[in-house]
Amino acid sequence: MSGSSAAPAWALIAVPVIALLWAGLLFGVSFLATPVKFAAPSLTLGVALDVGQTTFHLLVKVEWAMLLLLLAATAFARFPTLELVVLVLLAAGLAVQTFLLLPPLDERVAAIIAGETLPASRLHLAYIAVEVLKLLALLGGAFAGIRLLRLAA
């Protein structure tokens, strides 16, 4: 097994801890706080979109940092292929969101705040789909890491 006793204990523990911390952050922001914000009756659409845009730009930066931490911990833990697949899924998801989805979503937000009425778009659905993929990858990676940690003990 790659996650053997030769791997530092801190790295074996760090992989599932970082993955679960990231999953909690993702769930809290994307699937809890964001929908609640748009349900608040006193918050105008423009303000909600402005806050959402700021929130998701910060979140994506934090997620890139989490990815780097997870990559380092995974390398030190010498985890097997499953963890590498998780890292690739997370990196791909972040890249899609950062470089393909956020720029056109930013343009839509600016247009809506400026008073334009835009046709429906599937960009938000695509963003949500990537969020779900990342959440599942994080949970799968965390539980695989916990299993490997138990086997190494």
Protein backbone atom coordinates (compact mmCIF):
# COMPACT_ATOMS: atom_id res chain seq x y z
CA MET A 1 0.00 0.00 0.00
CA SER A 2 1.29 3.45 -0.88
CA GLY A 3 -0.04 5.08 2.32
CA SER A 4 2.23 2.89 4.43
CA SER A 5 3.92 3.62 7.75
CA ALA A 6 6.82 5.22 5.82
CA ALA A 7 4.54 8.21 5.18
CA PRO A 8 4.54 10.91 7.88
CA ALA A 9 1.58 10.61 10.24
CA TRP A 10 0.73 14.31 9.85
CA ALA A 11 0.31 13.84 6.08
CA LEU A 12 -1.90 10.78 6.50
CA ILE A 13 -4.15 12.76 8.83
CA ALA A 14 -3.96 16.02 6.83
CA VAL A 15 -5.43 14.59 3.62
CA PRO A 16 -8.89 13.72 5.00
CA VAL A 17 -8.89 16.75 7.32
CA ILE A 18 -8.18 19.20 4.48
CA ALA A 19 -10.68 17.46 2.19
CA LEU A 20 -13.43 17.56 4.83
CA LEU A 21 -12.65 21.17 5.75
CA TRP A 22 -12.85 22.14 2.07
CA ALA A 23 -16.08 20.14 1.63
CA GLY A 24 -17.62 21.94 4.60
CA LEU A 25 -16.57 25.31 3.23
CA LEU A 26 -17.97 24.47 -0.19
CA PHE A 27 -21.24 23.17 1.24
CA GLY A 28 -21.65 26.15 3.57
CA VAL A 29 -21.05 28.79 0.92
CA SER A 30 -22.46 27.23 -2.25
CA PHE A 31 -25.33 25.13 -1.00
CA LEU A 32 -26.42 26.91 2.15
CA ALA A 33 -25.50 30.61 2.32
CA THR A 34 -25.99 31.41 -1.37
CA PRO A 35 -29.56 30.07 -1.75
CA VAL A 36 -30.55 31.64 1.59
CA LYS A 37 -29.19 35.03 0.46
CA PHE A 38 -31.48 34.99 -2.59
CA ALA A 39 -34.46 34.06 -0.40
CA ALA A 40 -34.06 37.12 1.84
CA PRO A 41 -37.00 39.40 0.98
CA SER A 42 -35.25 42.67 1.90
CA LEU A 43 -32.16 41.99 -0.26
CA THR A 44 -32.45 43.35 -3.79
CA LEU A 45 -31.32 41.18 -6.69
CA GLY A 46 -28.49 43.59 -7.55
CA VAL A 47 -27.11 43.58 -4.01
CA ALA A 48 -27.44 39.78 -3.74
CA LEU A 49 -25.60 39.35 -7.04
CA ASP A 50 -22.88 41.80 -5.99
CA VAL A 51 -22.36 39.99 -2.67
CA GLY A 52 -22.46 36.62 -4.45
CA GLN A 53 -19.87 37.71 -6.99
CA THR A 54 -17.53 38.92 -4.25
CA THR A 55 -18.10 35.76 -2.22
CA PHE A 56 -17.40 33.38 -5.09
CA HIS A 57 -14.27 35.24 -6.19
CA LEU A 58 -12.88 34.89 -2.66
CA LEU A 59 -14.06 31.28 -2.39
CA VAL A 60 -12.28 30.27 -5.58
CA LYS A 61 -9.01 31.78 -4.28
CA VAL A 62 -9.38 29.90 -1.01
CA GLU A 63 -10.14 26.72 -2.97
CA TRP A 64 -6.93 27.06 -5.02
CA ALA A 65 -5.03 27.34 -1.72
CA MET A 66 -6.87 24.29 -0.37
CA LEU A 67 -5.97 22.38 -3.53
CA LEU A 68 -2.29 23.20 -3.04
CA LEU A 69 -2.45 22.09 0.60
CA LEU A 70 -4.22 18.89 -0.38
CA LEU A 71 -1.70 18.24 -3.14
CA ALA A 72 1.22 18.67 -0.73
CA ALA A 73 -0.36 16.46 1.94
CA THR A 74 -1.23 13.79 -0.63
CA ALA A 75 2.34 13.80 -1.97
CA PHE A 76 3.80 13.43 1.53
CA ALA A 77 1.26 10.74 2.43
CA ARG A 78 2.10 8.81 -0.74
CA PHE A 79 -1.56 7.99 -1.27
CA PRO A 80 -2.53 5.76 -4.17
CA THR A 81 -4.13 6.56 -7.48
CA LEU A 82 -7.60 7.28 -6.07
CA GLU A 83 -6.34 10.40 -4.34
CA LEU A 84 -4.63 11.53 -7.55
CA VAL A 85 -7.93 11.13 -9.42
CA VAL A 86 -9.59 13.28 -6.76
CA LEU A 87 -6.89 15.95 -7.15
CA VAL A 88 -7.30 15.97 -10.94
CA LEU A 89 -11.10 16.30 -10.62
CA LEU A 90 -10.72 19.16 -8.15
CA ALA A 91 -8.13 20.97 -10.26
CA ALA A 92 -10.22 20.54 -13.40
CA GLY A 93 -13.36 21.75 -11.63
CA LEU A 94 -11.59 24.81 -10.24
CA ALA A 95 -10.05 25.60 -13.63
CA VAL A 96 -13.45 25.37 -15.35
CA GLN A 97 -15.05 27.62 -12.76
CA THR A 98 -12.20 30.14 -12.61
CA PHE A 99 -11.45 30.50 -16.30
CA LEU A 100 -14.60 29.41 -18.16
CA LEU A 101 -17.60 30.10 -15.93
CA LEU A 102 -16.78 33.05 -13.66
CA PRO A 103 -15.86 35.52 -16.43
CA PRO A 104 -19.21 35.22 -18.29
CA LEU A 105 -21.08 35.09 -14.97
CA ASP A 106 -19.32 38.33 -13.98
CA GLU A 107 -20.49 39.92 -17.24
CA ARG A 108 -24.06 38.84 -16.53
CA VAL A 109 -23.90 40.25 -13.00
CA ALA A 110 -22.58 43.58 -14.30
CA ALA A 111 -25.32 43.73 -16.92
CA ILE A 112 -28.09 42.89 -14.44
CA ILE A 113 -26.78 45.44 -11.92
CA ALA A 114 -26.73 48.00 -14.77
CA GLY A 115 -30.44 47.33 -15.30
CA GLU A 116 -30.35 45.08 -18.34
CA THR A 117 -32.81 42.23 -18.70
CA LEU A 118 -31.00 39.14 -19.91
CA PRO A 119 -32.32 35.88 -21.33
CA ALA A 120 -32.05 32.78 -19.19
CA SER A 121 -28.63 31.16 -19.05
CA ARG A 122 -27.36 27.73 -18.09
CA LEU A 123 -24.11 29.14 -16.70
CA HIS A 124 -25.35 28.94 -13.10
CA LEU A 125 -26.47 25.36 -13.61
CA ALA A 126 -23.05 24.50 -15.02
CA TYR A 127 -21.38 26.16 -12.02
CA ILE A 128 -23.62 24.22 -9.63
CA ALA A 129 -22.86 20.96 -11.46
CA VAL A 130 -19.14 21.57 -11.01
CA GLU A 131 -19.72 22.39 -7.33
CA VAL A 132 -21.52 19.06 -6.88
CA LEU A 133 -18.68 17.23 -8.65
CA LYS A 134 -16.10 18.91 -6.40
CA LEU A 135 -18.12 18.14 -3.27
CA LEU A 136 -18.44 14.46 -4.23
CA ALA A 137 -14.73 14.27 -5.08
CA LEU A 138 -13.82 15.85 -1.73
CA LEU A 139 -16.05 13.50 0.24
CA GLY A 140 -14.80 10.48 -1.70
CA GLY A 141 -11.20 11.53 -1.23
CA ALA A 142 -11.73 12.20 2.48
CA PHE A 143 -13.32 8.83 3.12
CA ALA A 144 -10.65 7.06 1.07
CA GLY A 145 -8.02 8.93 3.09
CA ILE A 146 -9.68 7.90 6.35
CA ARG A 147 -9.76 4.28 5.21
CA LEU A 148 -6.06 4.39 4.28
CA LEU A 149 -5.27 6.09 7.59
CA ARG A 150 -7.02 3.26 9.44
CA LEU A 151 -5.16 0.65 7.42
CA ALA A 152 -1.82 2.33 8.15
CA ALA A 153 -2.52 2.36 11.92
